[in-house]
């Protein structure tokens, strides 16, 4: 896991603990990166099995 992937993962975990789902704008603001970089990191985390999206509940499964 790269430093940036770890940062995105930690943001998602922390917001999940407070019952919130981070939006793309939340991630852009908190990381300072653009949409393409964030999407690539999230996709990589999903491919590695670190994150999973529950389409029915619309939440991240950690």
N, C-alpha and C. Protein backbone atom coordinates (compact mmCIF):
# COMPACT_ATOMS: atom_id res chain seq x y z
N UNK A 1 0.85 -1.17 0.00
CA UNK A 1 0.00 0.00 0.00
C UNK A 1 0.91 1.24 0.00
N UNK A 2 0.64 2.15 -0.93
CA UNK A 2 1.44 3.37 -1.00
C UNK A 2 1.01 4.33 0.12
N UNK A 3 1.81 5.36 0.33
CA UNK A 3 1.47 6.35 1.35
C UNK A 3 0.13 7.01 1.04
N UNK A 4 -0.09 7.33 -0.23
CA UNK A 4 -1.35 7.98 -0.59
C UNK A 4 -2.54 7.05 -0.40
N UNK A 5 -2.38 5.78 -0.78
CA UNK A 5 -3.46 4.80 -0.57
C UNK A 5 -3.76 4.66 0.92
N UNK A 6 -2.71 4.65 1.73
CA UNK A 6 -2.89 4.55 3.18
C UNK A 6 -3.65 5.77 3.72
N UNK A 7 -3.33 6.94 3.18
CA UNK A 7 -4.00 8.17 3.61
C UNK A 7 -5.49 8.12 3.25
N UNK A 8 -5.81 7.74 2.02
CA UNK A 8 -7.20 7.64 1.59
C UNK A 8 -7.94 6.61 2.43
N UNK A 9 -7.31 5.46 2.65
CA UNK A 9 -7.92 4.40 3.46
C UNK A 9 -8.21 4.90 4.87
N UNK A 10 -7.25 5.59 5.47
CA UNK A 10 -7.42 6.09 6.84
C UNK A 10 -8.54 7.12 6.92
N UNK A 11 -8.67 7.97 5.92
CA UNK A 11 -9.76 8.95 5.89
C UNK A 11 -11.10 8.23 5.83
N UNK A 12 -11.20 7.22 4.96
CA UNK A 12 -12.45 6.46 4.84
C UNK A 12 -12.77 5.75 6.14
N UNK A 13 -11.77 5.12 6.77
CA UNK A 13 -11.98 4.42 8.04
C UNK A 13 -12.44 5.39 9.12
N UNK A 14 -11.76 6.52 9.26
CA UNK A 14 -12.11 7.49 10.29
C UNK A 14 -13.51 8.04 10.11
N UNK A 15 -13.89 8.38 8.88
CA UNK A 15 -15.23 8.89 8.65
C UNK A 15 -16.27 7.80 8.86
N UNK A 16 -15.92 6.55 8.50
CA UNK A 16 -16.82 5.42 8.69
C UNK A 16 -17.13 5.22 10.18
N UNK A 17 -16.13 5.43 11.03
CA UNK A 17 -16.33 5.29 12.47
C UNK A 17 -17.36 6.28 13.01
N UNK A 18 -17.50 7.41 12.34
CA UNK A 18 -18.48 8.42 12.75
C UNK A 18 -19.77 8.32 11.96
N UNK A 19 -19.94 7.22 11.23
CA UNK A 19 -21.18 6.97 10.51
C UNK A 19 -21.34 7.79 9.25
N UNK A 20 -20.23 8.24 8.67
CA UNK A 20 -20.30 9.05 7.46
C UNK A 20 -19.56 8.36 6.33
N UNK A 21 -20.01 8.64 5.12
CA UNK A 21 -19.33 8.18 3.92
C UNK A 21 -18.64 9.38 3.30
N UNK A 22 -17.33 9.34 3.11
CA UNK A 22 -16.67 10.49 2.49
C UNK A 22 -17.06 10.62 1.03
N UNK A 23 -17.36 11.83 0.62
CA UNK A 23 -17.65 12.09 -0.79
C UNK A 23 -16.34 12.34 -1.51
N UNK A 24 -16.41 12.39 -2.81
CA UNK A 24 -15.21 12.69 -3.58
C UNK A 24 -14.67 14.07 -3.20
N UNK A 25 -15.57 15.02 -2.98
CA UNK A 25 -15.13 16.36 -2.57
C UNK A 25 -14.46 16.33 -1.21
N UNK A 26 -14.96 15.51 -0.27
CA UNK A 26 -14.30 15.36 1.03
C UNK A 26 -12.87 14.86 0.84
N UNK A 27 -12.71 13.84 0.01
CA UNK A 27 -11.39 13.27 -0.21
C UNK A 27 -10.46 14.25 -0.92
N UNK A 28 -11.01 15.01 -1.86
CA UNK A 28 -10.20 16.01 -2.54
C UNK A 28 -9.71 17.08 -1.57
N UNK A 29 -10.60 17.51 -0.69
CA UNK A 29 -10.24 18.55 0.28
C UNK A 29 -9.23 18.03 1.30
N UNK A 30 -9.42 16.82 1.77
CA UNK A 30 -8.56 16.27 2.82
C UNK A 30 -7.20 15.80 2.31
N UNK A 31 -7.12 15.41 1.04
CA UNK A 31 -5.85 14.92 0.50
C UNK A 31 -5.11 15.96 -0.34
N UNK A 32 -5.84 16.90 -0.90
CA UNK A 32 -5.22 17.88 -1.78
C UNK A 32 -4.91 17.34 -3.16
N UNK A 33 -5.48 16.19 -3.49
CA UNK A 33 -5.23 15.56 -4.80
C UNK A 33 -6.45 15.73 -5.69
N UNK A 34 -6.26 15.44 -6.97
CA UNK A 34 -7.38 15.57 -7.91
C UNK A 34 -8.19 14.28 -7.99
N UNK A 35 -9.29 14.36 -8.70
CA UNK A 35 -10.23 13.23 -8.79
C UNK A 35 -9.58 11.99 -9.38
N UNK A 36 -8.76 12.17 -10.40
CA UNK A 36 -8.13 11.03 -11.07
C UNK A 36 -7.20 10.27 -10.11
N UNK A 37 -6.42 10.99 -9.33
CA UNK A 37 -5.50 10.35 -8.38
C UNK A 37 -6.27 9.61 -7.28
N UNK A 38 -7.36 10.21 -6.81
CA UNK A 38 -8.17 9.59 -5.75
C UNK A 38 -8.84 8.33 -6.27
N UNK A 39 -9.41 8.42 -7.46
CA UNK A 39 -10.07 7.24 -8.05
C UNK A 39 -9.08 6.10 -8.25
N UNK A 40 -7.87 6.42 -8.69
CA UNK A 40 -6.85 5.39 -8.90
C UNK A 40 -6.48 4.72 -7.57
N UNK A 41 -6.35 5.52 -6.51
CA UNK A 41 -6.00 4.95 -5.19
C UNK A 41 -7.13 4.07 -4.67
N UNK A 42 -8.38 4.53 -4.80
CA UNK A 42 -9.52 3.74 -4.33
C UNK A 42 -9.64 2.45 -5.13
N UNK A 43 -9.46 2.55 -6.44
CA UNK A 43 -9.53 1.36 -7.29
C UNK A 43 -8.45 0.35 -6.88
N UNK A 44 -7.25 0.84 -6.61
CA UNK A 44 -6.15 -0.02 -6.18
C UNK A 44 -6.48 -0.70 -4.85
N UNK A 45 -7.04 0.07 -3.91
CA UNK A 45 -7.42 -0.49 -2.61
C UNK A 45 -8.49 -1.57 -2.77
N UNK A 46 -9.42 -1.34 -3.69
CA UNK A 46 -10.48 -2.32 -3.93
C UNK A 46 -9.90 -3.59 -4.56
N UNK A 47 -8.96 -3.43 -5.48
CA UNK A 47 -8.36 -4.59 -6.14
C UNK A 47 -7.52 -5.40 -5.15
N UNK A 48 -6.93 -4.74 -4.16
CA UNK A 48 -6.12 -5.42 -3.15
C UNK A 48 -6.99 -6.04 -2.05
N UNK A 49 -8.30 -5.75 -2.08
CA UNK A 49 -9.20 -6.32 -1.09
C UNK A 49 -9.28 -5.55 0.21
N UNK A 50 -8.71 -4.36 0.25
CA UNK A 50 -8.73 -3.53 1.46
C UNK A 50 -10.08 -2.84 1.65
N UNK A 51 -10.71 -2.48 0.54
CA UNK A 51 -12.01 -1.80 0.56
C UNK A 51 -13.00 -2.54 -0.32
N UNK A 52 -14.26 -2.45 0.04
CA UNK A 52 -15.33 -3.00 -0.77
C UNK A 52 -16.53 -2.08 -0.64
N UNK A 53 -17.23 -1.83 -1.73
CA UNK A 53 -18.40 -0.96 -1.73
C UNK A 53 -19.65 -1.82 -1.69
N UNK A 54 -20.54 -1.56 -0.72
CA UNK A 54 -21.82 -2.26 -0.62
C UNK A 54 -22.85 -1.43 -1.38
N UNK A 55 -23.23 -1.90 -2.55
CA UNK A 55 -24.15 -1.15 -3.40
C UNK A 55 -25.54 -1.02 -2.81
N UNK A 56 -25.98 -2.02 -2.05
CA UNK A 56 -27.32 -1.98 -1.46
C UNK A 56 -27.41 -0.93 -0.35
N UNK A 57 -26.42 -0.92 0.54
CA UNK A 57 -26.43 0.01 1.66
C UNK A 57 -25.76 1.34 1.35
N UNK A 58 -25.03 1.39 0.23
CA UNK A 58 -24.30 2.60 -0.19
C UNK A 58 -23.26 3.01 0.85
N UNK A 59 -22.49 2.03 1.36
CA UNK A 59 -21.45 2.30 2.34
C UNK A 59 -20.21 1.47 2.00
N UNK A 60 -19.07 1.89 2.55
CA UNK A 60 -17.83 1.13 2.42
C UNK A 60 -17.83 -0.01 3.41
N UNK A 61 -17.35 -1.16 2.98
CA UNK A 61 -17.16 -2.31 3.85
C UNK A 61 -15.66 -2.42 4.06
N UNK A 62 -15.27 -2.36 5.32
CA UNK A 62 -13.83 -2.34 5.63
C UNK A 62 -13.33 -3.71 6.06
